[in-house]
Amino acid sequence: MNAPARIPLHVEMATASRVAAQLIAAGIDETDPDFAELMASETDVLERLRRILRAARHTEAQSKALGEIAAEMRERRARLDKKAERLRGVVLEAMGELGLTKLEGPDLTATVSDGKPKVVITDEAALPDDACVFKREPSKTAIAAALAEGSVAGAEWSNPAPVLTVRTR
């Protein structure tokens, strides 16, 4: 019976754990110089982990590419929105020059009417506080600096989390 070409990682790891337990039960434990060699020959988990890291790098590259495409699409959308606005402006001006308030076609009807007045801020500093919106947002940079000096009510340092650093050649 031939072994499958690719053994699923969870099966391989479970088998490696069972083999390690059996070796220990047989009196060959981590202190035995042969233990590491015997376990290394039973599993290729390190290569699997390398493959997982390569997959993570590939996924990050795809994410970055999609982010760039999304940014390009947002820019394109903004250009198209501005173009549509300019085209409508051309029609509005022409209808005004022609004295038209209504333009009909088989697929659309355009009408010119008075718009609503818009708010214009002439002096932002002169506005009363009740006419403004204030956003309260914690500054983690300022809080970290204050925590470095002592305690801060409502904030504390977290326990450090392990960080995986991957360097490529």
C-alpha atoms as a PDB file:
ATOM      1  CA  MET A   1       0.000   0.000   0.000  1.00  0.00           C
ATOM      2  CA  ASN A   2       1.420   3.334  -1.059  1.00  0.00           C
ATOM      3  CA  ALA A   3       1.192   6.377   1.227  1.00  0.00           C
ATOM      4  CA  PRO A   4      -0.623   9.387  -0.215  1.00  0.00           C
ATOM      5  CA  ALA A   5       1.644  11.987  -1.806  1.00  0.00           C
ATOM      6  CA  ARG A   6       0.328  14.719   0.488  1.00  0.00           C
ATOM      7  CA  ILE A   7      -0.783  13.969   4.002  1.00  0.00           C
ATOM      8  CA  PRO A   8      -3.052  16.657   5.509  1.00  0.00           C
ATOM      9  CA  LEU A   9      -1.235  18.757   8.116  1.00  0.00           C
ATOM     10  CA  HIS A  10      -3.618  17.881  10.960  1.00  0.00           C
ATOM     11  CA  VAL A  11      -3.189  14.143  10.273  1.00  0.00           C
ATOM     12  CA  GLU A  12       0.583  14.497  10.066  1.00  0.00           C
ATOM     13  CA  MET A  13       0.735  16.431  13.346  1.00  0.00           C
ATOM     14  CA  ALA A  14      -1.569  13.989  15.133  1.00  0.00           C
ATOM     15  CA  THR A  15       0.545  11.079  13.892  1.00  0.00           C
ATOM     16  CA  ALA A  16       3.732  12.831  15.000  1.00  0.00           C
ATOM     17  CA  SER A  17       2.221  13.327  18.478  1.00  0.00           C
ATOM     18  CA  ARG A  18       1.247   9.654  18.694  1.00  0.00           C
ATOM     19  CA  VAL A  19       4.694   8.552  17.522  1.00  0.00           C
ATOM     20  CA  ALA A  20       6.327  10.815  20.116  1.00  0.00           C
ATOM     21  CA  ALA A  21       4.111   9.335  22.837  1.00  0.00           C
ATOM     22  CA  GLN A  22       4.971   5.812  21.693  1.00  0.00           C
ATOM     23  CA  LEU A  23       8.693   6.592  21.671  1.00  0.00           C
ATOM     24  CA  ILE A  24       8.456   8.043  25.182  1.00  0.00           C
ATOM     25  CA  ALA A  25       6.513   4.966  26.312  1.00  0.00           C
ATOM     26  CA  ALA A  26       9.327   2.854  24.842  1.00  0.00           C
ATOM     27  CA  GLY A  27      11.847   4.752  26.980  1.00  0.00           C
ATOM     28  CA  ILE A  28      13.150   7.045  24.228  1.00  0.00           C
ATOM     29  CA  ASP A  29      12.346  10.593  25.338  1.00  0.00           C
ATOM     30  CA  GLU A  30      13.561  14.140  24.575  1.00  0.00           C
ATOM     31  CA  THR A  31      16.784  13.538  26.518  1.00  0.00           C
ATOM     32  CA  ASP A  32      17.762  10.647  24.223  1.00  0.00           C
ATOM     33  CA  PRO A  33      20.057  11.844  21.407  1.00  0.00           C
ATOM     34  CA  ASP A  34      18.111   9.706  18.899  1.00  0.00           C
ATOM     35  CA  PHE A  35      14.712  11.230  19.784  1.00  0.00           C
ATOM     36  CA  ALA A  36      15.104  14.407  17.675  1.00  0.00           C
ATOM     37  CA  GLU A  37      16.360  12.427  14.690  1.00  0.00           C
ATOM     38  CA  LEU A  38      13.574   9.887  14.987  1.00  0.00           C
ATOM     39  CA  MET A  39      10.922  12.607  15.174  1.00  0.00           C
ATOM     40  CA  ALA A  40      12.459  14.578  12.311  1.00  0.00           C
ATOM     41  CA  SER A  41      12.188  11.543  10.104  1.00  0.00           C
ATOM     42  CA  GLU A  42       8.504  11.098  10.943  1.00  0.00           C
ATOM     43  CA  THR A  43       7.184  14.513   9.966  1.00  0.00           C
ATOM     44  CA  ASP A  44       7.781  17.314   7.521  1.00  0.00           C
ATOM     45  CA  VAL A  45       5.928  19.886   9.586  1.00  0.00           C
ATOM     46  CA  LEU A  46       8.688  22.499   9.222  1.00  0.00           C
ATOM     47  CA  GLU A  47       8.371  22.427   5.443  1.00  0.00           C
ATOM     48  CA  ARG A  48       4.594  22.686   5.862  1.00  0.00           C
ATOM     49  CA  LEU A  49       5.083  25.772   8.041  1.00  0.00           C
ATOM     50  CA  ARG A  50       7.382  27.246   5.383  1.00  0.00           C
ATOM     51  CA  ARG A  51       4.658  26.630   2.785  1.00  0.00           C
ATOM     52  CA  ILE A  52       2.107  28.323   5.051  1.00  0.00           C
ATOM     53  CA  LEU A  53       4.394  31.375   5.355  1.00  0.00           C
ATOM     54  CA  ARG A  54       4.799  31.468   1.571  1.00  0.00           C
ATOM     55  CA  ALA A  55       1.009  31.290   1.235  1.00  0.00           C
ATOM     56  CA  ALA A  56       0.719  34.174   3.722  1.00  0.00           C
ATOM     57  CA  ARG A  57       3.173  36.250   1.635  1.00  0.00           C
ATOM     58  CA  HIS A  58       1.234  35.427  -1.534  1.00  0.00           C
ATOM     59  CA  THR A  59      -2.056  36.391   0.156  1.00  0.00           C
ATOM     60  CA  GLU A  60      -0.535  39.660   1.386  1.00  0.00           C
ATOM     61  CA  ALA A  61       0.635  40.419  -2.178  1.00  0.00           C
ATOM     62  CA  GLN A  62      -2.878  39.750  -3.504  1.00  0.00           C
ATOM     63  CA  SER A  63      -4.354  41.987  -0.807  1.00  0.00           C
ATOM     64  CA  LYS A  64      -1.925  44.781  -1.682  1.00  0.00           C
ATOM     65  CA  ALA A  65      -2.715  44.420  -5.391  1.00  0.00           C
ATOM     66  CA  LEU A  66      -6.457  44.527  -4.697  1.00  0.00           C
ATOM     67  CA  GLY A  67      -5.929  47.613  -2.542  1.00  0.00           C
ATOM     68  CA  GLU A  68      -4.112  49.304  -5.417  1.00  0.00           C
ATOM     69  CA  ILE A  69      -6.843  48.283  -7.868  1.00  0.00           C
ATOM     70  CA  ALA A  70      -9.516  49.529  -5.448  1.00  0.00           C
ATOM     71  CA  ALA A  71      -7.691  52.878  -5.137  1.00  0.00           C
ATOM     72  CA  GLU A  72      -7.505  53.132  -8.930  1.00  0.00           C
ATOM     73  CA  MET A  73     -11.222  52.300  -9.171  1.00  0.00           C
ATOM     74  CA  ARG A  74     -12.076  54.959  -6.549  1.00  0.00           C
ATOM     75  CA  GLU A  75     -10.091  57.496  -8.577  1.00  0.00           C
ATOM     76  CA  ARG A  76     -11.841  56.375 -11.768  1.00  0.00           C
ATOM     77  CA  ARG A  77     -15.227  56.638 -10.053  1.00  0.00           C
ATOM     78  CA  ALA A  78     -14.407  60.158  -8.878  1.00  0.00           C
ATOM     79  CA  ARG A  79     -13.391  61.140 -12.428  1.00  0.00           C
ATOM     80  CA  LEU A  80     -16.607  59.669 -13.849  1.00  0.00           C
ATOM     81  CA  ASP A  81     -18.727  61.432 -11.201  1.00  0.00           C
ATOM     82  CA  LYS A  82     -17.039  64.758 -12.039  1.00  0.00           C
ATOM     83  CA  LYS A  83     -17.560  64.138 -15.769  1.00  0.00           C
ATOM     84  CA  ALA A  84     -21.276  63.402 -15.220  1.00  0.00           C
ATOM     85  CA  GLU A  85     -21.578  66.571 -13.136  1.00  0.00           C
ATOM     86  CA  ARG A  86     -19.896  68.641 -15.881  1.00  0.00           C
ATOM     87  CA  LEU A  87     -22.162  67.113 -18.543  1.00  0.00           C
ATOM     88  CA  ARG A  88     -25.258  67.971 -16.477  1.00  0.00           C
ATOM     89  CA  GLY A  89     -23.864  71.471 -15.996  1.00  0.00           C
ATOM     90  CA  VAL A  90     -23.550  71.933 -19.748  1.00  0.00           C
ATOM     91  CA  VAL A  91     -27.207  70.950 -20.212  1.00  0.00           C
ATOM     92  CA  LEU A  92     -28.359  73.180 -17.316  1.00  0.00           C
ATOM     93  CA  GLU A  93     -26.542  76.181 -18.772  1.00  0.00           C
ATOM     94  CA  ALA A  94     -27.836  75.531 -22.288  1.00  0.00           C
ATOM     95  CA  MET A  95     -31.417  75.104 -21.054  1.00  0.00           C
ATOM     96  CA  GLY A  96     -31.052  78.416 -19.186  1.00  0.00           C
ATOM     97  CA  GLU A  97     -29.803  80.175 -22.319  1.00  0.00           C
ATOM     98  CA  LEU A  98     -32.722  78.724 -24.304  1.00  0.00           C
ATOM     99  CA  GLY A  99     -35.243  79.607 -21.618  1.00  0.00           C
ATOM    100  CA  LEU A 100     -36.257  75.938 -21.213  1.00  0.00           C
ATOM    101  CA  THR A 101     -37.477  74.562 -17.907  1.00  0.00           C
ATOM    102  CA  LYS A 102     -38.256  71.096 -19.250  1.00  0.00           C
ATOM    103  CA  LEU A 103     -36.529  68.786 -21.719  1.00  0.00           C
ATOM    104  CA  GLU A 104     -38.141  65.477 -22.646  1.00  0.00           C
ATOM    105  CA  GLY A 105     -36.819  62.452 -24.449  1.00  0.00           C
ATOM    106  CA  PRO A 106     -38.014  58.888 -24.880  1.00  0.00           C
ATOM    107  CA  ASP A 107     -35.830  57.732 -21.983  1.00  0.00           C
ATOM    108  CA  LEU A 108     -35.644  60.822 -19.731  1.00  0.00           C
ATOM    109  CA  THR A 109     -37.219  64.042 -18.613  1.00  0.00           C
ATOM    110  CA  ALA A 110     -35.061  66.892 -17.300  1.00  0.00           C
ATOM    111  CA  THR A 111     -36.514  69.860 -15.458  1.00  0.00           C
ATOM    112  CA  VAL A 112     -34.903  73.029 -14.179  1.00  0.00           C
ATOM    113  CA  SER A 113     -36.132  74.265 -10.814  1.00  0.00           C
ATOM    114  CA  ASP A 114     -34.857  76.437  -7.981  1.00  0.00           C
ATOM    115  CA  GLY A 115     -32.483  74.533  -5.703  1.00  0.00           C
ATOM    116  CA  LYS A 116     -32.318  74.719  -1.927  1.00  0.00           C
ATOM    117  CA  PRO A 117     -30.091  77.291  -0.254  1.00  0.00           C
ATOM    118  CA  LYS A 118     -26.809  75.905   1.090  1.00  0.00           C
ATOM    119  CA  VAL A 119     -25.035  76.792   4.312  1.00  0.00           C
ATOM    120  CA  VAL A 120     -21.922  78.886   3.767  1.00  0.00           C
ATOM    121  CA  ILE A 121     -19.444  79.205   6.647  1.00  0.00           C
ATOM    122  CA  THR A 122     -17.896  82.661   6.558  1.00  0.00           C
ATOM    123  CA  ASP A 123     -16.042  82.544   9.923  1.00  0.00           C
ATOM    124  CA  GLU A 124     -15.736  79.140  11.607  1.00  0.00           C
ATOM    125  CA  ALA A 125     -14.223  80.608  14.794  1.00  0.00           C
ATOM    126  CA  ALA A 126     -17.273  82.844  15.313  1.00  0.00           C
ATOM    127  CA  LEU A 127     -19.729  79.926  15.341  1.00  0.00           C
ATOM    128  CA  PRO A 128     -21.242  79.032  18.739  1.00  0.00           C
ATOM    129  CA  ASP A 129     -20.290  75.634  20.235  1.00  0.00           C
ATOM    130  CA  ASP A 130     -23.860  74.313  19.943  1.00  0.00           C
ATOM    131  CA  ALA A 131     -23.598  74.785  16.169  1.00  0.00           C
ATOM    132  CA  CYS A 132     -20.491  72.584  15.986  1.00  0.00           C
ATOM    133  CA  VAL A 133     -19.773  68.886  16.332  1.00  0.00           C
ATOM    134  CA  PHE A 134     -16.814  67.859  18.460  1.00  0.00           C
ATOM    135  CA  LYS A 135     -15.266  64.439  18.139  1.00  0.00           C
ATOM    136  CA  ARG A 136     -13.542  62.954  21.191  1.00  0.00           C
ATOM    137  CA  GLU A 137     -10.970  60.376  20.163  1.00  0.00           C
ATOM    138  CA  PRO A 138      -8.194  58.849  22.305  1.00  0.00           C
ATOM    139  CA  SER A 139      -4.666  59.560  21.104  1.00  0.00           C
ATOM    140  CA  LYS A 140      -2.768  56.300  21.615  1.00  0.00           C
ATOM    141  CA  THR A 141       0.524  58.126  21.006  1.00  0.00           C
ATOM    142  CA  ALA A 142      -0.163  60.613  23.801  1.00  0.00           C
ATOM    143  CA  ILE A 143      -1.483  57.864  26.084  1.00  0.00           C
ATOM    144  CA  ALA A 144       1.630  55.718  25.476  1.00  0.00           C
ATOM    145  CA  ALA A 145       3.851  58.683  26.327  1.00  0.00           C
ATOM    146  CA  ALA A 146       1.852  59.314  29.515  1.00  0.00           C
ATOM    147  CA  LEU A 147       1.938  55.607  30.468  1.00  0.00           C
ATOM    148  CA  ALA A 148       5.718  55.656  30.050  1.00  0.00           C
ATOM    149  CA  GLU A 149       5.789  58.376  32.728  1.00  0.00           C
ATOM    150  CA  GLY A 150       3.306  56.691  35.081  1.00  0.00           C
ATOM    151  CA  SER A 151      -0.331  55.649  35.231  1.00  0.00           C
ATOM    152  CA  VAL A 152      -3.220  57.001  33.180  1.00  0.00           C
ATOM    153  CA  ALA A 153      -6.846  56.694  34.317  1.00  0.00           C
ATOM    154  CA  GLY A 154      -8.750  54.528  31.832  1.00  0.00           C
ATOM    155  CA  ALA A 155      -5.665  53.091  30.108  1.00  0.00           C
ATOM    156  CA  GLU A 156      -2.987  50.504  30.782  1.00  0.00           C
ATOM    157  CA  TRP A 157      -0.313  48.551  28.947  1.00  0.00           C
ATOM    158  CA  SER A 158      -1.351  45.201  27.493  1.00  0.00           C
ATOM    159  CA  ASN A 159       0.727  42.060  27.805  1.00  0.00           C
ATOM    160  CA  PRO A 160       3.111  41.868  24.874  1.00  0.00           C
ATOM    161  CA  ALA A 161       1.951  39.521  22.137  1.00  0.00           C
ATOM    162  CA  PRO A 162       4.387  37.317  20.238  1.00  0.00           C
ATOM    163  CA  VAL A 163       5.372  38.758  16.876  1.00  0.00           C
ATOM    164  CA  LEU A 164       6.344  36.675  13.870  1.00  0.00           C
ATOM    165  CA  THR A 165       8.949  38.341  11.654  1.00  0.00           C
ATOM    166  CA  VAL A 166       9.479  36.876   8.181  1.00  0.00           C
ATOM    167  CA  ARG A 167      12.489  37.995   6.151  1.00  0.00           C
ATOM    168  CA  THR A 168      12.806  37.029   2.522  1.00  0.00           C
ATOM    169  CA  ARG A 169      15.906  36.517   0.447  1.00  0.00           C
END
